[in-house]
Each structure stands twice: as structure tokens, then as C-alpha cells.
């Protein structure tokens, strides 16, 4: 029964949801060099984030001196 619960939880719509964060104030430094995306010196950076990684990404942005300007869901065609 536990396994079937885990399988059904893995298929929930929230696991396939993706969001785009618009982030201002990030600068390239030792911490941001480890990210999978480059940081521009000025303007906003757009980061695509899965639903399950939203909190972790918010903490990382804050720790690197960034400010989240907006969060938008990415619409997927079904």
C-alpha cells in the first residue's frame, strides 16, 4: 500500500509544475559560479524552477544577495 501511495504522489500535477523567477541584484561571485546559469552584471536574471525546488531556490537567491521580482508559472501544452 505504501508503494502505491508513493506512485500516485509522484504523478500529482504539482510535481510537473514549473515556474520562472525574475531575480534582480545577483552578481557573479564564488557562490554563483556553482549555479547552472550565468549571472549578468545588470538587469534581471530569469531562472526556471520546478515546484519541488522552489523553497531551496528562494533560499539560494536570498543568500546570494538577490531579490525575487516576480514568479510566473510556465504554461505547458497538453
Foldseek 3Di string as FASTA:
>chain_A
DVVVVVVVVCPDPLQVKKKKWWKFDADDDPLCVPDPDDDDPGDTDIDIGRNVCVVVVVVSCVVRGMDTPDMGIDDDDD
